[in-house]
C-alpha atoms as a PDB file:
ATOM      1  CA  UNK A   1      -0.138   0.241  -0.146  1.00  0.00           C
ATOM      2  CA  UNK A   2       2.724   2.430   1.051  1.00  0.00           C
ATOM      3  CA  UNK A   3       4.403   2.030  -2.602  1.00  0.00           C
ATOM      4  CA  UNK A   4       1.339   2.412  -4.141  1.00  0.00           C
ATOM      5  CA  UNK A   5       0.538   5.739  -2.614  1.00  0.00           C
ATOM      6  CA  UNK A   6       3.922   6.686  -2.927  1.00  0.00           C
ATOM      7  CA  UNK A   7       3.774   6.955  -6.316  1.00  0.00           C
ATOM      8  CA  UNK A   8       0.520   8.237  -7.061  1.00  0.00           C
ATOM      9  CA  UNK A   9       1.447  11.258  -4.854  1.00  0.00           C
ATOM     10  CA  UNK A  10       3.956  12.659  -6.923  1.00  0.00           C
ATOM     11  CA  UNK A  11       5.772  13.943  -3.886  1.00  0.00           C
ATOM     12  CA  UNK A  12       8.726  16.642  -3.986  1.00  0.00           C
ATOM     13  CA  UNK A  13       9.886  15.230  -0.789  1.00  0.00           C
ATOM     14  CA  UNK A  14      10.142  11.796   0.945  1.00  0.00           C
ATOM     15  CA  UNK A  15       7.131  10.217   2.964  1.00  0.00           C
ATOM     16  CA  UNK A  16       7.000   8.174   5.614  1.00  0.00           C
ATOM     17  CA  UNK A  17       4.711   5.816   7.449  1.00  0.00           C
ATOM     18  CA  UNK A  18       4.511   4.300  10.642  1.00  0.00           C
ATOM     19  CA  UNK A  19       2.049   2.450  12.308  1.00  0.00           C
ATOM     20  CA  UNK A  20       0.251   3.523  15.651  1.00  0.00           C
ATOM     21  CA  UNK A  21      -2.391   0.971  17.463  1.00  0.00           C
ATOM     22  CA  UNK A  22      -5.508   0.170  15.999  1.00  0.00           C
ATOM     23  CA  UNK A  23      -4.865  -0.182  12.341  1.00  0.00           C
ATOM     24  CA  UNK A  24      -3.991   3.918  12.626  1.00  0.00           C
ATOM     25  CA  UNK A  25      -0.657   4.841  10.010  1.00  0.00           C
ATOM     26  CA  UNK A  26       0.728   8.073  10.923  1.00  0.00           C
ATOM     27  CA  UNK A  27       1.275   9.571   7.154  1.00  0.00           C
ATOM     28  CA  UNK A  28       5.033  11.520   7.477  1.00  0.00           C
ATOM     29  CA  UNK A  29       5.706  14.373   5.058  1.00  0.00           C
ATOM     30  CA  UNK A  30       8.871  15.907   4.464  1.00  0.00           C
ATOM     31  CA  UNK A  31       7.225  18.714   2.834  1.00  0.00           C
ATOM     32  CA  UNK A  32       4.024  21.216   3.761  1.00  0.00           C
ATOM     33  CA  UNK A  33       2.477  21.408   0.063  1.00  0.00           C
ATOM     34  CA  UNK A  34       2.785  18.077  -0.014  1.00  0.00           C
ATOM     35  CA  UNK A  35       0.900  17.127   2.842  1.00  0.00           C
ATOM     36  CA  UNK A  36      -1.706  20.245   2.265  1.00  0.00           C
ATOM     37  CA  UNK A  37      -1.852  18.562  -1.595  1.00  0.00           C
ATOM     38  CA  UNK A  38      -2.561  15.288  -0.214  1.00  0.00           C
ATOM     39  CA  UNK A  39      -4.670  16.094   2.504  1.00  0.00           C
ATOM     40  CA  UNK A  40      -7.154  18.490  -0.347  1.00  0.00           C
ATOM     41  CA  UNK A  41      -7.264  15.322  -3.016  1.00  0.00           C
ATOM     42  CA  UNK A  42      -8.890  12.932  -0.540  1.00  0.00           C
ATOM     43  CA  UNK A  43     -10.596  10.244   0.203  1.00  0.00           C
ATOM     44  CA  UNK A  44      -8.128   8.118  -1.598  1.00  0.00           C
ATOM     45  CA  UNK A  45      -9.198   4.414  -3.123  1.00  0.00           C
ATOM     46  CA  UNK A  46      -7.044   1.696  -2.284  1.00  0.00           C
ATOM     47  CA  UNK A  47      -7.300  -1.427  -3.216  1.00  0.00           C
ATOM     48  CA  UNK A  48     -11.849  -1.149  -3.426  1.00  0.00           C
ATOM     49  CA  UNK A  49     -11.131   0.463   0.602  1.00  0.00           C
ATOM     50  CA  UNK A  50     -11.461   4.375   1.489  1.00  0.00           C
ATOM     51  CA  UNK A  51      -7.736   5.914   2.480  1.00  0.00           C
ATOM     52  CA  UNK A  52      -8.776   8.849   4.864  1.00  0.00           C
ATOM     53  CA  UNK A  53      -6.656  11.453   6.048  1.00  0.00           C
ATOM     54  CA  UNK A  54      -6.988  13.491   9.013  1.00  0.00           C
ATOM     55  CA  UNK A  55      -4.132  16.288   9.691  1.00  0.00           C
ATOM     56  CA  UNK A  56      -1.711  15.242  12.792  1.00  0.00           C
ATOM     57  CA  UNK A  57      -2.625  17.826  15.985  1.00  0.00           C
ATOM     58  CA  UNK A  58      -0.276  17.998  18.258  1.00  0.00           C
ATOM     59  CA  UNK A  59      -1.073  16.684  21.676  1.00  0.00           C
ATOM     60  CA  UNK A  60      -4.434  15.567  20.708  1.00  0.00           C
ATOM     61  CA  UNK A  61      -5.331  11.509  21.851  1.00  0.00           C
ATOM     62  CA  UNK A  62      -5.751   9.168  18.923  1.00  0.00           C
ATOM     63  CA  UNK A  63      -9.392   8.478  20.292  1.00  0.00           C
ATOM     64  CA  UNK A  64     -10.365  12.026  19.691  1.00  0.00           C
ATOM     65  CA  UNK A  65      -9.463  11.611  15.455  1.00  0.00           C
ATOM     66  CA  UNK A  66     -13.152  10.975  13.651  1.00  0.00           C
ATOM     67  CA  UNK A  67     -12.717   8.645  11.174  1.00  0.00           C
ATOM     68  CA  UNK A  68     -15.727   7.289  10.486  1.00  0.00           C
ATOM     69  CA  UNK A  69     -16.795  10.583   8.597  1.00  0.00           C
ATOM     70  CA  UNK A  70     -15.389  12.268   4.898  1.00  0.00           C
ATOM     71  CA  UNK A  71     -17.216  14.548   2.319  1.00  0.00           C
ATOM     72  CA  UNK A  72     -16.625  12.947  -1.893  1.00  0.00           C
ATOM     73  CA  UNK A  73     -18.564  13.232  -4.023  1.00  0.00           C
ATOM     74  CA  UNK A  74     -20.165  10.387  -6.534  1.00  0.00           C
ATOM     75  CA  UNK A  75     -21.524  10.791 -10.492  1.00  0.00           C
ATOM     76  CA  UNK A  76     -24.572   8.522 -11.155  1.00  0.00           C
ATOM     77  CA  UNK A  77     -25.322   8.001 -14.637  1.00  0.00           C
ATOM     78  CA  UNK A  78     -28.307   7.078 -16.810  1.00  0.00           C
ATOM     79  CA  UNK A  79     -31.067   8.681 -14.147  1.00  0.00           C
ATOM     80  CA  UNK A  80     -34.725   8.679 -15.345  1.00  0.00           C
ATOM     81  CA  UNK A  81     -36.150  12.017 -15.730  1.00  0.00           C
ATOM     82  CA  UNK A  82     -40.297  11.591 -14.961  1.00  0.00           C
ATOM     83  CA  UNK A  83     -41.922  15.038 -15.638  1.00  0.00           C
ATOM     84  CA  UNK A  84     -39.675  17.251 -16.237  1.00  0.00           C
ATOM     85  CA  UNK A  85     -41.144  20.613 -17.022  1.00  0.00           C
ATOM     86  CA  UNK A  86     -39.255  23.028 -18.905  1.00  0.00           C
END
């Protein structure tokens, strides 16, 4: 997973991944612009699973982060339009 995401992100500087408790992964960016760009482009899809990232807040406990909600767009095709007035 790490190798794939690193290759997709095209970062200017190094990115490292640290596994924490509870299946949480800390992603360390050496470049703040890379970090901002990657956070703005999320959520990422990996192996048909959403990879949600939240900005790290120094001193915040891991339990305080909420990984269960994230906004994303969906596109739906071929919806029949019935009784549409123009």
